[in-house]
Amino acid sequence: MSSTWRLLSPQYEFRLIWKLASFWLAFACCFLWLFSATSITFGKLCWDSGFGYV
């Protein structure tokens, strides 16, 4: 019973949630950074090719 209680303790849950949240936050930041870098590069390529005037 004590091991089950330790798993369900608020401190353990908070630590687990914090780990998951920080992981997803880092993942979202990486994804946004990659997306913005790709779109900026793609937009620059389009602009240099002349598509920016359409």
C-alpha atoms as a PDB file:
ATOM      1  CA  MET A   1       0.000   0.000   0.000  1.00  0.00           C
ATOM      2  CA  SER A   2       2.848   2.376   0.792  1.00  0.00           C
ATOM      3  CA  SER A   3       4.362   2.010  -2.695  1.00  0.00           C
ATOM      4  CA  THR A   4       0.988   2.727  -4.312  1.00  0.00           C
ATOM      5  CA  TRP A   5       0.538   5.764  -2.091  1.00  0.00           C
ATOM      6  CA  ARG A   6       3.980   7.012  -3.064  1.00  0.00           C
ATOM      7  CA  LEU A   7       3.031   6.759  -6.746  1.00  0.00           C
ATOM      8  CA  LEU A   8      -0.183   8.673  -6.169  1.00  0.00           C
ATOM      9  CA  SER A   9       1.307  11.361  -3.950  1.00  0.00           C
ATOM     10  CA  PRO A  10       0.826  14.946  -5.184  1.00  0.00           C
ATOM     11  CA  GLN A  11       4.560  15.614  -5.198  1.00  0.00           C
ATOM     12  CA  TYR A  12       5.214  12.687  -7.542  1.00  0.00           C
ATOM     13  CA  GLU A  13       2.316  13.680  -9.799  1.00  0.00           C
ATOM     14  CA  PHE A  14       3.545  17.263  -9.895  1.00  0.00           C
ATOM     15  CA  ARG A  15       7.043  16.127 -10.845  1.00  0.00           C
ATOM     16  CA  LEU A  16       5.643  13.870 -13.580  1.00  0.00           C
ATOM     17  CA  ILE A  17       3.417  16.647 -14.947  1.00  0.00           C
ATOM     18  CA  TRP A  18       6.338  19.082 -14.822  1.00  0.00           C
ATOM     19  CA  LYS A  19       8.542  16.658 -16.787  1.00  0.00           C
ATOM     20  CA  LEU A  20       5.850  16.107 -19.404  1.00  0.00           C
ATOM     21  CA  ALA A  21       5.091  19.822 -19.659  1.00  0.00           C
ATOM     22  CA  SER A  22       8.739  20.795 -20.044  1.00  0.00           C
ATOM     23  CA  PHE A  23       9.201  18.081 -22.684  1.00  0.00           C
ATOM     24  CA  TRP A  24       6.202  19.282 -24.704  1.00  0.00           C
ATOM     25  CA  LEU A  25       7.268  22.906 -24.291  1.00  0.00           C
ATOM     26  CA  ALA A  26      10.733  22.121 -25.635  1.00  0.00           C
ATOM     27  CA  PHE A  27       9.190  20.105 -28.473  1.00  0.00           C
ATOM     28  CA  ALA A  28       6.830  22.963 -29.367  1.00  0.00           C
ATOM     29  CA  CYS A  29       9.664  25.504 -29.288  1.00  0.00           C
ATOM     30  CA  CYS A  30      11.808  23.335 -31.566  1.00  0.00           C
ATOM     31  CA  PHE A  31       8.884  22.808 -33.938  1.00  0.00           C
ATOM     32  CA  LEU A  32       8.064  26.528 -34.066  1.00  0.00           C
ATOM     33  CA  TRP A  33      11.714  27.421 -34.600  1.00  0.00           C
ATOM     34  CA  LEU A  34      12.049  24.904 -37.443  1.00  0.00           C
ATOM     35  CA  PHE A  35       8.749  26.029 -38.968  1.00  0.00           C
ATOM     36  CA  SER A  36       9.668  29.725 -38.860  1.00  0.00           C
ATOM     37  CA  ALA A  37      13.167  29.081 -40.219  1.00  0.00           C
ATOM     38  CA  THR A  38      11.730  26.983 -43.052  1.00  0.00           C
ATOM     39  CA  SER A  39       9.006  29.491 -43.911  1.00  0.00           C
ATOM     40  CA  ILE A  40      11.457  32.420 -43.835  1.00  0.00           C
ATOM     41  CA  THR A  41      13.872  30.555 -46.109  1.00  0.00           C
ATOM     42  CA  PHE A  42      11.046  29.479 -48.414  1.00  0.00           C
ATOM     43  CA  GLY A  43       9.639  33.018 -48.504  1.00  0.00           C
ATOM     44  CA  LYS A  44      13.048  34.453 -49.325  1.00  0.00           C
ATOM     45  CA  LEU A  45      13.499  31.910 -52.119  1.00  0.00           C
ATOM     46  CA  CYS A  46      10.071  32.767 -53.527  1.00  0.00           C
ATOM     47  CA  TRP A  47      10.803  36.499 -53.284  1.00  0.00           C
ATOM     48  CA  ASP A  48      14.181  36.068 -55.002  1.00  0.00           C
ATOM     49  CA  SER A  49      12.563  34.010 -57.752  1.00  0.00           C
ATOM     50  CA  GLY A  50      10.065  36.776 -58.474  1.00  0.00           C
ATOM     51  CA  PHE A  51       6.989  35.177 -56.917  1.00  0.00           C
ATOM     52  CA  GLY A  52       6.867  38.031 -54.425  1.00  0.00           C
ATOM     53  CA  TYR A  53       5.490  40.340 -57.092  1.00  0.00           C
ATOM     54  CA  VAL A  54       2.482  38.161 -57.893  1.00  0.00           C
END
